[in-house]
């Protein structure tokens, strides 16, 4: 079992240093937090990748419109534009 350039001796030394710095009680908490962080990172990467590979919504709407049917208006076109309130 070899992790990149780290051999078994180097991994053992790193584990001993972590154990000395954080103590035996905190090591499982740190491992759990690290696992949650990695899981969340992978989930967000997969979500971004899915959004990039999926068709844009505007192209999907064009494909669904039947010939001769008027194009559906978007929500932005339907709602009137409101001007911001002036503070002065």
PDB file of N, CA and C in Angstrom:
ATOM      1  N   UNK A   1       0.854  -1.175   0.000  1.00  0.00           N
ATOM      2  CA  UNK A   1       0.000   0.000   0.000  1.00  0.00           C
ATOM      3  C   UNK A   1       0.895   1.233   0.000  1.00  0.00           C
ATOM      4  N   UNK A   2       0.832   1.982  -1.097  1.00  0.00           N
ATOM      5  CA  UNK A   2       1.690   3.140  -1.238  1.00  0.00           C
ATOM      6  C   UNK A   2       0.850   4.319  -1.721  1.00  0.00           C
ATOM      7  N   UNK A   3       0.816   5.400  -0.962  1.00  0.00           N
ATOM      8  CA  UNK A   3       0.029   6.592  -1.289  1.00  0.00           C
ATOM      9  C   UNK A   3       0.949   7.635  -1.898  1.00  0.00           C
ATOM     10  N   UNK A   4       1.028   7.658  -3.213  1.00  0.00           N
ATOM     11  CA  UNK A   4       1.887   8.629  -3.889  1.00  0.00           C
ATOM     12  C   UNK A   4       3.335   8.362  -3.546  1.00  0.00           C
ATOM     13  N   UNK A   5       3.998   9.357  -3.018  1.00  0.00           N
ATOM     14  CA  UNK A   5       5.391   9.208  -2.622  1.00  0.00           C
ATOM     15  C   UNK A   5       5.537   8.816  -1.156  1.00  0.00           C
ATOM     16  N   UNK A   6       4.418   8.633  -0.441  1.00  0.00           N
ATOM     17  CA  UNK A   6       4.475   8.267   0.962  1.00  0.00           C
ATOM     18  C   UNK A   6       4.507   6.755   1.103  1.00  0.00           C
ATOM     19  N   UNK A   7       5.462   6.261   1.851  1.00  0.00           N
ATOM     20  CA  UNK A   7       5.531   4.839   2.156  1.00  0.00           C
ATOM     21  C   UNK A   7       4.887   4.583   3.509  1.00  0.00           C
ATOM     22  N   UNK A   8       4.885   3.340   3.963  1.00  0.00           N
ATOM     23  CA  UNK A   8       4.276   3.001   5.257  1.00  0.00           C
ATOM     24  C   UNK A   8       4.944   3.724   6.435  1.00  0.00           C
ATOM     25  N   UNK A   9       6.251   3.902   6.385  1.00  0.00           N
ATOM     26  CA  UNK A   9       6.957   4.573   7.485  1.00  0.00           C
ATOM     27  C   UNK A   9       6.543   6.041   7.575  1.00  0.00           C
ATOM     28  N   UNK A  10       6.444   6.727   6.432  1.00  0.00           N
ATOM     29  CA  UNK A  10       6.055   8.138   6.451  1.00  0.00           C
ATOM     30  C   UNK A  10       4.624   8.303   6.954  1.00  0.00           C
ATOM     31  N   UNK A  11       3.712   7.410   6.518  1.00  0.00           N
ATOM     32  CA  UNK A  11       2.328   7.478   6.998  1.00  0.00           C
ATOM     33  C   UNK A  11       2.257   7.258   8.508  1.00  0.00           C
ATOM     34  N   UNK A  12       3.035   6.331   9.004  1.00  0.00           N
ATOM     35  CA  UNK A  12       3.065   6.066  10.447  1.00  0.00           C
ATOM     36  C   UNK A  12       3.552   7.292  11.211  1.00  0.00           C
ATOM     37  N   UNK A  13       4.577   7.943  10.698  1.00  0.00           N
ATOM     38  CA  UNK A  13       5.115   9.141  11.363  1.00  0.00           C
ATOM     39  C   UNK A  13       4.073  10.258  11.369  1.00  0.00           C
ATOM     40  N   UNK A  14       3.365  10.457  10.264  1.00  0.00           N
ATOM     41  CA  UNK A  14       2.322  11.486  10.203  1.00  0.00           C
ATOM     42  C   UNK A  14       1.212  11.170  11.197  1.00  0.00           C
ATOM     43  N   UNK A  15       0.794   9.910  11.289  1.00  0.00           N
ATOM     44  CA  UNK A  15      -0.254   9.531  12.234  1.00  0.00           C
ATOM     45  C   UNK A  15       0.181   9.763  13.679  1.00  0.00           C
ATOM     46  N   UNK A  16       1.435   9.478  14.000  1.00  0.00           N
ATOM     47  CA  UNK A  16       1.932   9.713  15.361  1.00  0.00           C
ATOM     48  C   UNK A  16       1.945  11.211  15.667  1.00  0.00           C
ATOM     49  N   UNK A  17       2.351  12.020  14.712  1.00  0.00           N
ATOM     50  CA  UNK A  17       2.367  13.477  14.931  1.00  0.00           C
ATOM     51  C   UNK A  17       0.954  14.001  15.149  1.00  0.00           C
ATOM     52  N   UNK A  18      -0.011  13.537  14.347  1.00  0.00           N
ATOM     53  CA  UNK A  18      -1.403  13.951  14.509  1.00  0.00           C
ATOM     54  C   UNK A  18      -1.915  13.526  15.876  1.00  0.00           C
ATOM     55  N   UNK A  19      -1.584  12.318  16.301  1.00  0.00           N
ATOM     56  CA  UNK A  19      -2.020  11.812  17.600  1.00  0.00           C
ATOM     57  C   UNK A  19      -1.444  12.645  18.734  1.00  0.00           C
ATOM     58  N   UNK A  20      -0.182  13.028  18.627  1.00  0.00           N
ATOM     59  CA  UNK A  20       0.453  13.836  19.680  1.00  0.00           C
ATOM     60  C   UNK A  20      -0.135  15.250  19.703  1.00  0.00           C
ATOM     61  N   UNK A  21      -0.366  15.845  18.527  1.00  0.00           N
ATOM     62  CA  UNK A  21      -0.867  17.215  18.480  1.00  0.00           C
ATOM     63  C   UNK A  21      -2.313  17.333  18.965  1.00  0.00           C
ATOM     64  N   UNK A  22      -3.173  16.411  18.555  1.00  0.00           N
ATOM     65  CA  UNK A  22      -4.599  16.559  18.825  1.00  0.00           C
ATOM     66  C   UNK A  22      -5.120  15.640  19.929  1.00  0.00           C
ATOM     67  N   UNK A  23      -4.417  14.606  20.274  1.00  0.00           N
ATOM     68  CA  UNK A  23      -4.877  13.689  21.310  1.00  0.00           C
ATOM     69  C   UNK A  23      -5.766  12.604  20.737  1.00  0.00           C
ATOM     70  N   UNK A  24      -5.866  11.504  21.481  1.00  0.00           N
ATOM     71  CA  UNK A  24      -6.612  10.331  21.012  1.00  0.00           C
ATOM     72  C   UNK A  24      -8.111  10.607  20.910  1.00  0.00           C
ATOM     73  N   UNK A  25      -8.629  11.497  21.734  1.00  0.00           N
ATOM     74  CA  UNK A  25     -10.071  11.767  21.711  1.00  0.00           C
ATOM     75  C   UNK A  25     -10.497  12.607  20.515  1.00  0.00           C
ATOM     76  N   UNK A  26      -9.635  13.474  20.054  1.00  0.00           N
ATOM     77  CA  UNK A  26      -9.995  14.382  18.954  1.00  0.00           C
ATOM     78  C   UNK A  26      -9.767  13.791  17.566  1.00  0.00           C
ATOM     79  N   UNK A  27      -8.928  12.768  17.447  1.00  0.00           N
ATOM     80  CA  UNK A  27      -8.605  12.209  16.135  1.00  0.00           C
ATOM     81  C   UNK A  27      -9.862  11.689  15.417  1.00  0.00           C
ATOM     82  N   UNK A  28     -10.772  10.936  16.069  1.00  0.00           N
ATOM     83  CA  UNK A  28     -11.982  10.508  15.359  1.00  0.00           C
ATOM     84  C   UNK A  28     -12.873  11.682  14.921  1.00  0.00           C
ATOM     85  N   UNK A  29     -12.950  12.726  15.735  1.00  0.00           N
ATOM     86  CA  UNK A  29     -13.728  13.910  15.365  1.00  0.00           C
ATOM     87  C   UNK A  29     -13.131  14.588  14.139  1.00  0.00           C
ATOM     88  N   UNK A  30     -11.817  14.688  14.110  1.00  0.00           N
ATOM     89  CA  UNK A  30     -11.141  15.313  12.972  1.00  0.00           C
ATOM     90  C   UNK A  30     -11.362  14.478  11.710  1.00  0.00           C
ATOM     91  N   UNK A  31     -11.276  13.154  11.848  1.00  0.00           N
ATOM     92  CA  UNK A  31     -11.513  12.273  10.704  1.00  0.00           C
ATOM     93  C   UNK A  31     -12.930  12.407  10.175  1.00  0.00           C
ATOM     94  N   UNK A  32     -13.907  12.476  11.083  1.00  0.00           N
ATOM     95  CA  UNK A  32     -15.305  12.625  10.662  1.00  0.00           C
ATOM     96  C   UNK A  32     -15.523  13.967   9.966  1.00  0.00           C
ATOM     97  N   UNK A  33     -14.956  15.022  10.501  1.00  0.00           N
ATOM     98  CA  UNK A  33     -15.090  16.343   9.879  1.00  0.00           C
ATOM     99  C   UNK A  33     -14.433  16.368   8.503  1.00  0.00           C
ATOM    100  N   UNK A  34     -13.282  15.744   8.396  1.00  0.00           N
ATOM    101  CA  UNK A  34     -12.594  15.683   7.113  1.00  0.00           C
ATOM    102  C   UNK A  34     -13.414  14.894   6.103  1.00  0.00           C
ATOM    103  N   UNK A  35     -14.008  13.792   6.522  1.00  0.00           N
ATOM    104  CA  UNK A  35     -14.854  12.992   5.640  1.00  0.00           C
ATOM    105  C   UNK A  35     -16.076  13.766   5.165  1.00  0.00           C
ATOM    106  N   UNK A  36     -16.714  14.509   6.072  1.00  0.00           N
ATOM    107  CA  UNK A  36     -17.880  15.319   5.693  1.00  0.00           C
ATOM    108  C   UNK A  36     -17.489  16.394   4.696  1.00  0.00           C
ATOM    109  N   UNK A  37     -16.349  17.010   4.910  1.00  0.00           N
ATOM    110  CA  UNK A  37     -15.885  18.048   3.997  1.00  0.00           C
ATOM    111  C   UNK A  37     -15.609  17.501   2.610  1.00  0.00           C
ATOM    112  N   UNK A  38     -14.968  16.334   2.539  1.00  0.00           N
ATOM    113  CA  UNK A  38     -14.679  15.713   1.250  1.00  0.00           C
ATOM    114  C   UNK A  38     -15.974  15.325   0.545  1.00  0.00           C
ATOM    115  N   UNK A  39     -16.935  14.771   1.304  1.00  0.00           N
ATOM    116  CA  UNK A  39     -18.218  14.392   0.727  1.00  0.00           C
ATOM    117  C   UNK A  39     -18.947  15.605   0.144  1.00  0.00           C
ATOM    118  N   UNK A  40     -18.981  16.707   0.887  1.00  0.00           N
ATOM    119  CA  UNK A  40     -19.648  17.924   0.423  1.00  0.00           C
ATOM    120  C   UNK A  40     -18.955  18.487  -0.815  1.00  0.00           C
ATOM    121  N   UNK A  41     -17.634  18.433  -0.829  1.00  0.00           N
ATOM    122  CA  UNK A  41     -16.868  18.913  -1.979  1.00  0.00           C
ATOM    123  C   UNK A  41     -17.198  18.086  -3.221  1.00  0.00           C
ATOM    124  N   UNK A  42     -17.216  16.764  -3.080  1.00  0.00           N
ATOM    125  CA  UNK A  42     -17.550  15.892  -4.210  1.00  0.00           C
ATOM    126  C   UNK A  42     -18.976  16.146  -4.696  1.00  0.00           C
ATOM    127  N   UNK A  43     -19.910  16.347  -3.765  1.00  0.00           N
ATOM    128  CA  UNK A  43     -21.303  16.602  -4.128  1.00  0.00           C
ATOM    129  C   UNK A  43     -21.413  17.890  -4.936  1.00  0.00           C
ATOM    130  N   UNK A  44     -20.711  18.936  -4.508  1.00  0.00           N
ATOM    131  CA  UNK A  44     -20.791  20.204  -5.231  1.00  0.00           C
ATOM    132  C   UNK A  44     -20.114  20.107  -6.597  1.00  0.00           C
ATOM    133  N   UNK A  45     -19.018  19.370  -6.693  1.00  0.00           N
ATOM    134  CA  UNK A  45     -18.349  19.174  -7.982  1.00  0.00           C
ATOM    135  C   UNK A  45     -19.274  18.429  -8.938  1.00  0.00           C
ATOM    136  N   UNK A  46     -19.950  17.379  -8.455  1.00  0.00           N
ATOM    137  CA  UNK A  46     -20.873  16.625  -9.296  1.00  0.00           C
ATOM    138  C   UNK A  46     -22.043  17.492  -9.756  1.00  0.00           C
ATOM    139  N   UNK A  47     -22.536  18.364  -8.873  1.00  0.00           N
ATOM    140  CA  UNK A  47     -23.647  19.244  -9.231  1.00  0.00           C
ATOM    141  C   UNK A  47     -23.240  20.234 -10.314  1.00  0.00           C
ATOM    142  N   UNK A  48     -22.059  20.818 -10.179  1.00  0.00           N
ATOM    143  CA  UNK A  48     -21.576  21.764 -11.187  1.00  0.00           C
ATOM    144  C   UNK A  48     -21.357  21.043 -12.515  1.00  0.00           C
ATOM    145  N   UNK A  49     -20.787  19.847 -12.455  1.00  0.00           N
ATOM    146  CA  UNK A  49     -20.555  19.085 -13.680  1.00  0.00           C
ATOM    147  C   UNK A  49     -21.876  18.743 -14.367  1.00  0.00           C
ATOM    148  N   UNK A  50     -22.888  18.391 -13.577  1.00  0.00           N
ATOM    149  CA  UNK A  50     -24.193  18.069 -14.148  1.00  0.00           C
ATOM    150  C   UNK A  50     -24.816  19.305 -14.796  1.00  0.00           C
ATOM    151  N   UNK A  51     -24.655  20.464 -14.175  1.00  0.00           N
ATOM    152  CA  UNK A  51     -25.209  21.694 -14.743  1.00  0.00           C
ATOM    153  C   UNK A  51     -24.511  22.063 -16.040  1.00  0.00           C
ATOM    154  N   UNK A  52     -23.221  21.804 -16.122  1.00  0.00           N
ATOM    155  CA  UNK A  52     -22.468  22.148 -17.326  1.00  0.00           C
ATOM    156  C   UNK A  52     -22.832  21.209 -18.467  1.00  0.00           C
ATOM    157  N   UNK A  53     -23.018  19.926 -18.159  1.00  0.00           N
ATOM    158  CA  UNK A  53     -23.288  18.965 -19.219  1.00  0.00           C
ATOM    159  C   UNK A  53     -24.741  18.963 -19.662  1.00  0.00           C
ATOM    160  N   UNK A  54     -25.678  19.385 -18.809  1.00  0.00           N
ATOM    161  CA  UNK A  54     -27.089  19.438 -19.201  1.00  0.00           C
ATOM    162  C   UNK A  54     -27.305  20.552 -20.213  1.00  0.00           C
ATOM    163  N   UNK A  55     -28.368  20.413 -20.994  1.00  0.00           N
ATOM    164  CA  UNK A  55     -28.723  21.459 -21.949  1.00  0.00           C
ATOM    165  C   UNK A  55     -29.177  22.705 -21.203  1.00  0.00           C
ATOM    166  N   UNK A  56     -28.872  23.856 -21.731  1.00  0.00           N
ATOM    167  CA  UNK A  56     -29.433  25.074 -21.132  1.00  0.00           C
ATOM    168  C   UNK A  56     -30.956  25.054 -21.241  1.00  0.00           C
ATOM    169  N   UNK A  57     -31.626  25.668 -20.277  1.00  0.00           N
ATOM    170  CA  UNK A  57     -33.090  25.646 -20.246  1.00  0.00           C
ATOM    171  C   UNK A  57     -33.698  26.336 -21.459  1.00  0.00           C
ATOM    172  N   UNK A  58     -33.055  27.356 -21.974  1.00  0.00           N
ATOM    173  CA  UNK A  58     -33.611  28.056 -23.131  1.00  0.00           C
ATOM    174  C   UNK A  58     -33.665  27.146 -24.355  1.00  0.00           C
ATOM    175  N   UNK A  59     -32.688  26.273 -24.525  1.00  0.00           N
ATOM    176  CA  UNK A  59     -32.706  25.345 -25.653  1.00  0.00           C
ATOM    177  C   UNK A  59     -33.796  24.303 -25.478  1.00  0.00           C
ATOM    178  N   UNK A  60     -34.052  23.883 -24.235  1.00  0.00           N
ATOM    179  CA  UNK A  60     -35.111  22.910 -23.975  1.00  0.00           C
ATOM    180  C   UNK A  60     -36.470  23.495 -24.332  1.00  0.00           C
ATOM    181  N   UNK A  61     -36.714  24.760 -24.018  1.00  0.00           N
ATOM    182  CA  UNK A  61     -38.000  25.390 -24.311  1.00  0.00           C
ATOM    183  C   UNK A  61     -38.223  25.480 -25.812  1.00  0.00           C
ATOM    184  N   UNK A  62     -37.190  25.794 -26.548  1.00  0.00           N
ATOM    185  CA  UNK A  62     -37.316  25.915 -27.998  1.00  0.00           C
ATOM    186  C   UNK A  62     -37.684  24.567 -28.599  1.00  0.00           C
ATOM    187  N   UNK A  63     -37.088  23.491 -28.092  1.00  0.00           N
ATOM    188  CA  UNK A  63     -37.377  22.160 -28.616  1.00  0.00           C
ATOM    189  C   UNK A  63     -38.812  21.736 -28.338  1.00  0.00           C
ATOM    190  N   UNK A  64     -39.402  22.187 -27.248  1.00  0.00           N
ATOM    191  CA  UNK A  64     -40.743  21.760 -26.858  1.00  0.00           C
ATOM    192  C   UNK A  64     -41.849  22.516 -27.578  1.00  0.00           C
ATOM    193  N   UNK A  65     -41.550  23.666 -28.147  1.00  0.00           N
ATOM    194  CA  UNK A  65     -42.571  24.475 -28.799  1.00  0.00           C
ATOM    195  C   UNK A  65     -42.919  23.840 -30.141  1.00  0.00           C
ATOM    196  N   UNK A  66     -44.202  23.625 -30.349  1.00  0.00           N
ATOM    197  CA  UNK A  66     -44.666  23.028 -31.599  1.00  0.00           C
ATOM    198  C   UNK A  66     -44.631  24.077 -32.697  1.00  0.00           C
ATOM    199  N   UNK A  67     -44.468  23.643 -33.954  1.00  0.00           N
ATOM    200  CA  UNK A  67     -44.477  24.610 -35.058  1.00  0.00           C
ATOM    201  C   UNK A  67     -45.822  25.335 -35.129  1.00  0.00           C
ATOM    202  N   UNK A  68     -45.790  26.621 -35.360  1.00  0.00           N
ATOM    203  CA  UNK A  68     -47.000  27.414 -35.458  1.00  0.00           C
ATOM    204  C   UNK A  68     -47.522  27.872 -34.109  1.00  0.00           C
ATOM    205  N   UNK A  69     -46.954  27.376 -33.021  1.00  0.00           N
ATOM    206  CA  UNK A  69     -47.395  27.765 -31.677  1.00  0.00           C
ATOM    207  C   UNK A  69     -46.583  28.974 -31.241  1.00  0.00           C
ATOM    208  N   UNK A  70     -47.227  29.977 -30.653  1.00  0.00           N
ATOM    209  CA  UNK A  70     -46.456  31.151 -30.214  1.00  0.00           C
ATOM    210  C   UNK A  70     -45.513  30.762 -29.075  1.00  0.00           C
ATOM    211  N   UNK A  71     -44.383  31.394 -29.058  1.00  0.00           N
ATOM    212  CA  UNK A  71     -43.388  31.099 -28.028  1.00  0.00           C
ATOM    213  C   UNK A  71     -43.901  31.540 -26.665  1.00  0.00           C
ATOM    214  N   UNK A  72     -43.622  30.749 -25.656  1.00  0.00           N
ATOM    215  CA  UNK A  72     -44.045  31.088 -24.295  1.00  0.00           C
ATOM    216  C   UNK A  72     -43.199  32.241 -23.777  1.00  0.00           C
ATOM    217  N   UNK A  73     -43.853  33.139 -23.077  1.00  0.00           N
ATOM    218  CA  UNK A  73     -43.126  34.266 -22.513  1.00  0.00           C
ATOM    219  C   UNK A  73     -42.457  33.839 -21.223  1.00  0.00           C
ATOM    220  N   UNK A  74     -41.295  34.392 -20.976  1.00  0.00           N
ATOM    221  CA  UNK A  74     -40.585  34.068 -19.743  1.00  0.00           C
ATOM    222  C   UNK A  74     -41.150  34.890 -18.606  1.00  0.00           C
ATOM    223  N   UNK A  75     -40.823  34.507 -17.409  1.00  0.00           N
ATOM    224  CA  UNK A  75     -41.319  35.190 -16.224  1.00  0.00           C
ATOM    225  C   UNK A  75     -40.866  36.653 -16.210  1.00  0.00           C
ATOM    226  N   UNK A  76     -39.654  36.909 -16.689  1.00  0.00           N
ATOM    227  CA  UNK A  76     -39.139  38.277 -16.706  1.00  0.00           C
ATOM    228  C   UNK A  76     -39.961  39.158 -17.631  1.00  0.00           C
ATOM    229  N   UNK A  77     -40.459  38.594 -18.722  1.00  0.00           N
ATOM    230  CA  UNK A  77     -41.266  39.377 -19.654  1.00  0.00           C
ATOM    231  C   UNK A  77     -42.650  39.647 -19.091  1.00  0.00           C
ATOM    232  N   UNK A  78     -43.178  38.757 -18.279  1.00  0.00           N
ATOM    233  CA  UNK A  78     -44.527  38.887 -17.747  1.00  0.00           C
ATOM    234  C   UNK A  78     -44.622  39.896 -16.615  1.00  0.00           C
ATOM    235  N   UNK A  79     -43.600  39.975 -15.771  1.00  0.00           N
ATOM    236  CA  UNK A  79     -43.646  40.855 -14.608  1.00  0.00           C
ATOM    237  C   UNK A  79     -43.208  42.261 -14.988  1.00  0.00           C
ATOM    238  N   UNK A  80     -43.900  43.272 -14.485  1.00  0.00           N
ATOM    239  CA  UNK A  80     -43.462  44.644 -14.762  1.00  0.00           C
ATOM    240  C   UNK A  80     -42.171  44.941 -14.006  1.00  0.00           C
ATOM    241  N   UNK A  81     -41.373  45.807 -14.575  1.00  0.00           N
ATOM    242  CA  UNK A  81     -40.103  46.179 -13.955  1.00  0.00           C
ATOM    243  C   UNK A  81     -40.384  47.210 -12.879  1.00  0.00           C
ATOM    244  N   UNK A  82     -39.933  46.925 -11.676  1.00  0.00           N
ATOM    245  CA  UNK A  82     -40.136  47.853 -10.555  1.00  0.00           C
ATOM    246  C   UNK A  82     -38.874  48.673 -10.357  1.00  0.00           C
ATOM    247  N   UNK A  83     -39.076  49.951 -10.123  1.00  0.00           N
ATOM    248  CA  UNK A  83     -37.935  50.804  -9.847  1.00  0.00           C
ATOM    249  C   UNK A  83     -37.654  50.792  -8.354  1.00  0.00           C
ATOM    250  N   UNK A  84     -36.385  50.878  -7.960  1.00  0.00           N
ATOM    251  CA  UNK A  84     -36.062  50.870  -6.538  1.00  0.00           C
ATOM    252  C   UNK A  84     -36.566  52.144  -5.848  1.00  0.00           C
ATOM    253  N   UNK A  85     -36.862  52.027  -4.567  1.00  0.00           N
ATOM    254  CA  UNK A  85     -37.304  53.199  -3.801  1.00  0.00           C
ATOM    255  C   UNK A  85     -36.133  54.150  -3.601  1.00  0.00           C
ATOM    256  N   UNK A  86     -36.447  55.428  -3.678  1.00  0.00           N
ATOM    257  CA  UNK A  86     -35.400  56.435  -3.492  1.00  0.00           C
ATOM    258  C   UNK A  86     -35.365  56.828  -2.028  1.00  0.00           C
ATOM    259  N   UNK A  87     -34.169  56.892  -1.495  1.00  0.00           N
ATOM    260  CA  UNK A  87     -33.989  57.224  -0.088  1.00  0.00           C
ATOM    261  C   UNK A  87     -33.916  58.729   0.166  1.00  0.00           C
ATOM    262  N   UNK A  88     -33.697  59.508  -0.849  1.00  0.00           N
ATOM    263  CA  UNK A  88     -33.530  60.951  -0.657  1.00  0.00           C
ATOM    264  C   UNK A  88     -34.831  61.665  -0.917  1.00  0.00           C
TER     265      UNK A  88
END
